[in-house]
PDB file of N, CA and C in Angstrom:
ATOM      1  N   UNK A   1      23.960   7.587  82.555  1.00  0.00           N
ATOM      2  CA  UNK A   1      24.760   6.802  81.657  1.00  0.00           C
ATOM      3  C   UNK A   1      24.783   7.415  80.259  1.00  0.00           C
ATOM      4  N   UNK A   2      23.622   7.760  79.730  1.00  0.00           N
ATOM      5  CA  UNK A   2      23.550   8.320  78.393  1.00  0.00           C
ATOM      6  C   UNK A   2      23.473   9.846  78.398  1.00  0.00           C
ATOM      7  N   UNK A   3      23.708  10.468  79.526  1.00  0.00           N
ATOM      8  CA  UNK A   3      23.566  11.914  79.609  1.00  0.00           C
ATOM      9  C   UNK A   3      24.685  12.647  78.886  1.00  0.00           C
ATOM     10  N   UNK A   4      25.802  11.990  78.614  1.00  0.00           N
ATOM     11  CA  UNK A   4      26.930  12.648  77.958  1.00  0.00           C
ATOM     12  C   UNK A   4      26.930  12.475  76.448  1.00  0.00           C
ATOM     13  N   UNK A   5      25.976  11.760  75.891  1.00  0.00           N
ATOM     14  CA  UNK A   5      25.979  11.484  74.450  1.00  0.00           C
ATOM     15  C   UNK A   5      25.625  12.734  73.652  1.00  0.00           C
ATOM     16  N   UNK A   6      24.532  13.356  73.960  1.00  0.00           N
ATOM     17  CA  UNK A   6      24.102  14.537  73.221  1.00  0.00           C
ATOM     18  C   UNK A   6      23.450  14.179  71.896  1.00  0.00           C
ATOM     19  N   UNK A   7      22.951  15.182  71.212  1.00  0.00           N
ATOM     20  CA  UNK A   7      22.241  14.999  69.948  1.00  0.00           C
ATOM     21  C   UNK A   7      23.177  14.487  68.844  1.00  0.00           C
ATOM     22  N   UNK A   8      24.367  15.077  68.661  1.00  0.00           N
ATOM     23  CA  UNK A   8      25.239  14.557  67.593  1.00  0.00           C
ATOM     24  C   UNK A   8      25.629  13.089  67.798  1.00  0.00           C
ATOM     25  N   UNK A   9      25.896  12.699  69.017  1.00  0.00           N
ATOM     26  CA  UNK A   9      26.239  11.307  69.296  1.00  0.00           C
ATOM     27  C   UNK A   9      25.074  10.378  69.032  1.00  0.00           C
ATOM     28  N   UNK A  10      23.872  10.816  69.392  1.00  0.00           N
ATOM     29  CA  UNK A  10      22.675  10.015  69.156  1.00  0.00           C
ATOM     30  C   UNK A  10      22.431   9.837  67.657  1.00  0.00           C
ATOM     31  N   UNK A  11      22.619  10.901  66.894  1.00  0.00           N
ATOM     32  CA  UNK A  11      22.456  10.815  65.438  1.00  0.00           C
ATOM     33  C   UNK A  11      23.489   9.859  64.853  1.00  0.00           C
ATOM     34  N   UNK A  12      24.719   9.910  65.352  1.00  0.00           N
ATOM     35  CA  UNK A  12      25.767   9.007  64.884  1.00  0.00           C
ATOM     36  C   UNK A  12      25.413   7.547  65.171  1.00  0.00           C
ATOM     37  N   UNK A  13      24.929   7.281  66.372  1.00  0.00           N
ATOM     38  CA  UNK A  13      24.548   5.914  66.746  1.00  0.00           C
ATOM     39  C   UNK A  13      23.398   5.416  65.870  1.00  0.00           C
ATOM     40  N   UNK A  14      22.389   6.236  65.661  1.00  0.00           N
ATOM     41  CA  UNK A  14      21.256   5.839  64.823  1.00  0.00           C
ATOM     42  C   UNK A  14      21.679   5.615  63.372  1.00  0.00           C
ATOM     43  N   UNK A  15      22.583   6.461  62.868  1.00  0.00           N
ATOM     44  CA  UNK A  15      23.082   6.300  61.500  1.00  0.00           C
ATOM     45  C   UNK A  15      23.856   4.995  61.362  1.00  0.00           C
ATOM     46  N   UNK A  16      24.722   4.698  62.333  1.00  0.00           N
ATOM     47  CA  UNK A  16      25.481   3.453  62.294  1.00  0.00           C
ATOM     48  C   UNK A  16      24.552   2.240  62.362  1.00  0.00           C
ATOM     49  N   UNK A  17      23.538   2.312  63.205  1.00  0.00           N
ATOM     50  CA  UNK A  17      22.585   1.206  63.307  1.00  0.00           C
ATOM     51  C   UNK A  17      21.857   1.013  61.979  1.00  0.00           C
ATOM     52  N   UNK A  18      21.494   2.106  61.330  1.00  0.00           N
ATOM     53  CA  UNK A  18      20.821   2.015  60.038  1.00  0.00           C
ATOM     54  C   UNK A  18      21.730   1.397  58.984  1.00  0.00           C
ATOM     55  N   UNK A  19      23.003   1.770  58.996  1.00  0.00           N
ATOM     56  CA  UNK A  19      23.951   1.220  58.025  1.00  0.00           C
ATOM     57  C   UNK A  19      24.204  -0.264  58.291  1.00  0.00           C
ATOM     58  N   UNK A  20      24.397  -0.617  59.555  1.00  0.00           N
ATOM     59  CA  UNK A  20      24.736  -2.000  59.904  1.00  0.00           C
ATOM     60  C   UNK A  20      23.560  -2.942  59.670  1.00  0.00           C
ATOM     61  N   UNK A  21      22.384  -2.574  60.164  1.00  0.00           N
ATOM     62  CA  UNK A  21      21.242  -3.488  60.122  1.00  0.00           C
ATOM     63  C   UNK A  21      20.347  -3.294  58.901  1.00  0.00           C
ATOM     64  N   UNK A  22      20.385  -2.143  58.294  1.00  0.00           N
ATOM     65  CA  UNK A  22      19.563  -1.890  57.113  1.00  0.00           C
ATOM     66  C   UNK A  22      18.166  -1.426  57.492  1.00  0.00           C
ATOM     67  N   UNK A  23      17.497  -0.795  56.543  1.00  0.00           N
ATOM     68  CA  UNK A  23      16.171  -0.221  56.828  1.00  0.00           C
ATOM     69  C   UNK A  23      15.076  -1.263  57.058  1.00  0.00           C
ATOM     70  N   UNK A  24      15.253  -2.476  56.547  1.00  0.00           N
ATOM     71  CA  UNK A  24      14.216  -3.500  56.733  1.00  0.00           C
ATOM     72  C   UNK A  24      14.314  -4.153  58.108  1.00  0.00           C
ATOM     73  N   UNK A  25      15.518  -4.289  58.619  1.00  0.00           N
ATOM     74  CA  UNK A  25      15.725  -5.006  59.874  1.00  0.00           C
ATOM     75  C   UNK A  25      15.539  -4.094  61.085  1.00  0.00           C
ATOM     76  N   UNK A  26      15.760  -2.788  60.913  1.00  0.00           N
ATOM     77  CA  UNK A  26      15.708  -1.859  62.039  1.00  0.00           C
ATOM     78  C   UNK A  26      14.355  -1.837  62.754  1.00  0.00           C
ATOM     79  N   UNK A  27      13.207  -1.812  62.062  1.00  0.00           N
ATOM     80  CA  UNK A  27      11.929  -1.845  62.783  1.00  0.00           C
ATOM     81  C   UNK A  27      11.720  -3.131  63.585  1.00  0.00           C
ATOM     82  N   UNK A  28      12.208  -4.247  63.053  1.00  0.00           N
ATOM     83  CA  UNK A  28      12.085  -5.511  63.778  1.00  0.00           C
ATOM     84  C   UNK A  28      12.910  -5.472  65.068  1.00  0.00           C
ATOM     85  N   UNK A  29      14.100  -4.921  64.974  1.00  0.00           N
ATOM     86  CA  UNK A  29      14.960  -4.802  66.153  1.00  0.00           C
ATOM     87  C   UNK A  29      14.312  -3.877  67.176  1.00  0.00           C
ATOM     88  N   UNK A  30      13.742  -2.786  66.706  1.00  0.00           N
ATOM     89  CA  UNK A  30      13.060  -1.853  67.606  1.00  0.00           C
ATOM     90  C   UNK A  30      11.880  -2.499  68.305  1.00  0.00           C
ATOM     91  N   UNK A  31      11.101  -3.279  67.572  1.00  0.00           N
ATOM     92  CA  UNK A  31       9.963  -3.975  68.168  1.00  0.00           C
ATOM     93  C   UNK A  31      10.424  -4.977  69.222  1.00  0.00           C
ATOM     94  N   UNK A  32      11.471  -5.724  68.891  1.00  0.00           N
ATOM     95  CA  UNK A  32      11.991  -6.720  69.834  1.00  0.00           C
ATOM     96  C   UNK A  32      12.516  -6.031  71.094  1.00  0.00           C
ATOM     97  N   UNK A  33      13.190  -4.908  70.922  1.00  0.00           N
ATOM     98  CA  UNK A  33      13.700  -4.157  72.061  1.00  0.00           C
ATOM     99  C   UNK A  33      12.545  -3.629  72.912  1.00  0.00           C
ATOM    100  N   UNK A  34      11.506  -3.132  72.276  1.00  0.00           N
ATOM    101  CA  UNK A  34      10.332  -2.644  72.995  1.00  0.00           C
ATOM    102  C   UNK A  34       9.638  -3.746  73.776  1.00  0.00           C
ATOM    103  N   UNK A  35       9.486  -4.914  73.175  1.00  0.00           N
ATOM    104  CA  UNK A  35       8.877  -6.062  73.862  1.00  0.00           C
ATOM    105  C   UNK A  35       9.714  -6.476  75.070  1.00  0.00           C
ATOM    106  N   UNK A  36      11.035  -6.465  74.890  1.00  0.00           N
ATOM    107  CA  UNK A  36      11.933  -6.827  75.986  1.00  0.00           C
ATOM    108  C   UNK A  36      11.771  -5.863  77.151  1.00  0.00           C
ATOM    109  N   UNK A  37      11.730  -4.568  76.855  1.00  0.00           N
ATOM    110  CA  UNK A  37      11.536  -3.577  77.913  1.00  0.00           C
ATOM    111  C   UNK A  37      10.189  -3.743  78.600  1.00  0.00           C
ATOM    112  N   UNK A  38       9.154  -4.028  77.813  1.00  0.00           N
ATOM    113  CA  UNK A  38       7.815  -4.229  78.362  1.00  0.00           C
ATOM    114  C   UNK A  38       7.799  -5.413  79.328  1.00  0.00           C
ATOM    115  N   UNK A  39       8.396  -6.524  78.925  1.00  0.00           N
ATOM    116  CA  UNK A  39       8.456  -7.708  79.782  1.00  0.00           C
ATOM    117  C   UNK A  39       9.287  -7.446  81.033  1.00  0.00           C
ATOM    118  N   UNK A  40      10.387  -6.711  80.886  1.00  0.00           N
ATOM    119  CA  UNK A  40      11.228  -6.386  82.030  1.00  0.00           C
ATOM    120  C   UNK A  40      10.466  -5.530  83.040  1.00  0.00           C
ATOM    121  N   UNK A  41       9.753  -4.512  82.546  1.00  0.00           N
ATOM    122  CA  UNK A  41       8.970  -3.664  83.437  1.00  0.00           C
ATOM    123  C   UNK A  41       7.876  -4.457  84.134  1.00  0.00           C
ATOM    124  N   UNK A  42       7.229  -5.357  83.402  1.00  0.00           N
ATOM    125  CA  UNK A  42       6.170  -6.184  83.979  1.00  0.00           C
ATOM    126  C   UNK A  42       6.731  -7.085  85.076  1.00  0.00           C
ATOM    127  N   UNK A  43       7.861  -7.715  84.812  1.00  0.00           N
ATOM    128  CA  UNK A  43       8.481  -8.593  85.802  1.00  0.00           C
ATOM    129  C   UNK A  43       8.918  -7.810  87.033  1.00  0.00           C
ATOM    130  N   UNK A  44       9.493  -6.643  86.812  1.00  0.00           N
ATOM    131  CA  UNK A  44       9.924  -5.802  87.924  1.00  0.00           C
ATOM    132  C   UNK A  44       8.739  -5.379  88.778  1.00  0.00           C
ATOM    133  N   UNK A  45       7.648  -5.002  88.138  1.00  0.00           N
ATOM    134  CA  UNK A  45       6.442  -4.582  88.855  1.00  0.00           C
ATOM    135  C   UNK A  45       5.878  -5.737  89.681  1.00  0.00           C
ATOM    136  N   UNK A  46       5.820  -6.932  89.073  1.00  0.00           N
ATOM    137  CA  UNK A  46       5.304  -8.103  89.791  1.00  0.00           C
ATOM    138  C   UNK A  46       6.188  -8.453  90.983  1.00  0.00           C
ATOM    139  N   UNK A  47       7.499  -8.393  90.792  1.00  0.00           N
ATOM    140  CA  UNK A  47       8.426  -8.684  91.881  1.00  0.00           C
ATOM    141  C   UNK A  47       8.259  -7.682  93.016  1.00  0.00           C
ATOM    142  N   UNK A  48       8.128  -6.416  92.671  1.00  0.00           N
ATOM    143  CA  UNK A  48       7.940  -5.377  93.683  1.00  0.00           C
ATOM    144  C   UNK A  48       6.641  -5.599  94.446  1.00  0.00           C
ATOM    145  N   UNK A  49       5.575  -5.951  93.736  1.00  0.00           N
ATOM    146  CA  UNK A  49       4.291  -6.204  94.393  1.00  0.00           C
ATOM    147  C   UNK A  49       4.382  -7.405  95.333  1.00  0.00           C
ATOM    148  N   UNK A  50       5.086  -8.460  94.910  1.00  0.00           N
ATOM    149  CA  UNK A  50       5.259  -9.640  95.762  1.00  0.00           C
ATOM    150  C   UNK A  50       6.019  -9.294  97.037  1.00  0.00           C
ATOM    151  N   UNK A  51       7.084  -8.545  96.884  1.00  0.00           N
ATOM    152  CA  UNK A  51       7.888  -8.168  98.049  1.00  0.00           C
ATOM    153  C   UNK A  51       7.070  -7.276  98.987  1.00  0.00           C
ATOM    154  N   UNK A  52       6.338  -6.329  98.433  1.00  0.00           N
ATOM    155  CA  UNK A  52       5.536  -5.436  99.271  1.00  0.00           C
ATOM    156  C   UNK A  52       4.434  -6.204  99.992  1.00  0.00           C
ATOM    157  N   UNK A  53       3.817  -7.182  99.335  1.00  0.00           N
ATOM    158  CA  UNK A  53       2.770  -7.957 100.002  1.00  0.00           C
ATOM    159  C   UNK A  53       3.378  -8.799 101.122  1.00  0.00           C
ATOM    160  N   UNK A  54       4.588  -9.336 100.917  1.00  0.00           N
ATOM    161  CA  UNK A  54       5.260 -10.089 101.975  1.00  0.00           C
ATOM    162  C   UNK A  54       5.594  -9.188 103.161  1.00  0.00           C
ATOM    163  N   UNK A  55       6.019  -7.973 102.884  1.00  0.00           N
ATOM    164  CA  UNK A  55       6.336  -7.025 103.948  1.00  0.00           C
ATOM    165  C   UNK A  55       5.071  -6.684 104.732  1.00  0.00           C
ATOM    166  N   UNK A  56       3.974  -6.471 104.035  1.00  0.00           N
ATOM    167  CA  UNK A  56       2.707  -6.158 104.702  1.00  0.00           C
ATOM    168  C   UNK A  56       2.252  -7.325 105.587  1.00  0.00           C
ATOM    169  N   UNK A  57       2.412  -8.555 105.090  1.00  0.00           N
ATOM    170  CA  UNK A  57       2.036  -9.725 105.888  1.00  0.00           C
ATOM    171  C   UNK A  57       2.882  -9.817 107.153  1.00  0.00           C
ATOM    172  N   UNK A  58       4.165  -9.540 107.033  1.00  0.00           N
ATOM    173  CA  UNK A  58       5.048  -9.586 108.203  1.00  0.00           C
ATOM    174  C   UNK A  58       4.681  -8.496 109.203  1.00  0.00           C
ATOM    175  N   UNK A  59       4.298  -7.321 108.715  1.00  0.00           N
ATOM    176  CA  UNK A  59       3.876  -6.249 109.617  1.00  0.00           C
ATOM    177  C   UNK A  59       2.626  -6.647 110.368  1.00  0.00           C
ATOM    178  N   UNK A  60       1.693  -7.297 109.665  1.00  0.00           N
ATOM    179  CA  UNK A  60       0.457  -7.737 110.316  1.00  0.00           C
ATOM    180  C   UNK A  60       0.734  -8.787 111.378  1.00  0.00           C
ATOM    181  N   UNK A  61       1.666  -9.704 111.108  1.00  0.00           N
ATOM    182  CA  UNK A  61       2.011 -10.726 112.073  1.00  0.00           C
ATOM    183  C   UNK A  61       2.652 -10.111 113.305  1.00  0.00           C
ATOM    184  N   UNK A  62       3.478  -9.104 113.112  1.00  0.00           N
ATOM    185  CA  UNK A  62       4.170  -8.482 114.244  1.00  0.00           C
ATOM    186  C   UNK A  62       3.230  -7.650 115.099  1.00  0.00           C
ATOM    187  N   UNK A  63       2.170  -7.093 114.534  1.00  0.00           N
ATOM    188  CA  UNK A  63       1.257  -6.262 115.301  1.00  0.00           C
ATOM    189  C   UNK A  63       0.244  -7.088 116.077  1.00  0.00           C
ATOM    190  N   UNK A  64       0.108  -8.357 115.753  1.00  0.00           N
ATOM    191  CA  UNK A  64      -0.873  -9.200 116.445  1.00  0.00           C
ATOM    192  C   UNK A  64      -0.323  -9.738 117.708  1.00  0.00           C
TER     193      UNK A  64
END
Protein backbone atom coordinates (compact mmCIF):
# COMPACT_ATOMS: atom_id res chain seq x y z
CA UNK A 1 0.00 0.00 0.00
CA UNK A 2 2.69 2.50 0.97
CA UNK A 3 5.39 1.05 -1.27
CA UNK A 4 4.82 3.69 -3.97
CA UNK A 5 5.20 6.74 -1.70
CA UNK A 6 8.97 6.97 -1.52
CA UNK A 7 11.09 9.34 0.55
CA UNK A 8 9.89 12.62 -1.05
CA UNK A 9 6.25 11.66 -0.54
CA UNK A 10 6.91 10.67 3.07
CA UNK A 11 8.64 14.00 3.74
CA UNK A 12 5.68 15.82 2.18
CA UNK A 13 3.19 13.93 4.35
CA UNK A 14 5.19 14.59 7.53
CA UNK A 15 5.56 18.29 6.63
CA UNK A 16 1.82 18.63 6.03
CA UNK A 17 1.06 16.88 9.32
CA UNK A 18 3.42 19.25 11.12
CA UNK A 19 1.77 22.28 9.52
CA UNK A 20 -1.79 21.08 10.15
CA UNK A 21 -1.42 19.80 13.71
CA UNK A 22 1.50 21.89 14.96
CA UNK A 23 4.60 20.83 16.87
CA UNK A 24 2.81 20.53 20.23
CA UNK A 25 0.01 18.25 19.04
CA UNK A 26 2.11 15.95 16.82
CA UNK A 27 3.74 13.94 19.68
CA UNK A 28 0.33 13.39 21.27
CA UNK A 29 -1.06 12.10 17.98
CA UNK A 30 1.95 9.83 17.57
CA UNK A 31 1.51 8.42 21.07
CA UNK A 32 -2.19 7.81 20.49
CA UNK A 33 -1.43 6.09 17.18
CA UNK A 34 1.21 3.92 18.86
CA UNK A 35 -1.18 2.91 21.65
CA UNK A 36 -3.84 2.05 19.07
CA UNK A 37 -1.41 -0.17 17.16
CA UNK A 38 -0.29 -1.82 20.40
CA UNK A 39 -3.88 -2.62 21.40
CA UNK A 40 -4.68 -3.88 17.89
CA UNK A 41 -1.68 -6.21 17.91
CA UNK A 42 -2.59 -7.47 21.38
CA UNK A 43 -6.19 -8.16 20.36
CA UNK A 44 -5.08 -9.89 17.17
CA UNK A 45 -2.63 -12.07 19.09
CA UNK A 46 -5.28 -13.03 21.66
CA UNK A 47 -7.80 -13.85 18.94
CA UNK A 48 -5.25 -15.99 17.11
CA UNK A 49 -4.38 -17.84 20.32
CA UNK A 50 -8.08 -18.48 21.04
CA UNK A 51 -8.69 -19.84 17.56
CA UNK A 52 -5.58 -22.03 17.69
CA UNK A 53 -6.56 -23.45 21.09
CA UNK A 54 -10.05 -24.25 19.73
CA UNK A 55 -8.50 -25.99 16.73
CA UNK A 56 -6.23 -28.02 19.01
CA UNK A 57 -9.21 -29.05 21.16
CA UNK A 58 -11.13 -30.18 18.09
CA UNK A 59 -8.13 -32.20 16.89
CA UNK A 60 -7.92 -33.91 20.27
CA UNK A 61 -11.62 -34.75 20.18
CA UNK A 62 -11.33 -36.22 16.70
CA UNK A 63 -8.34 -38.42 17.59
CA UNK A 64 -10.08 -39.96 20.60
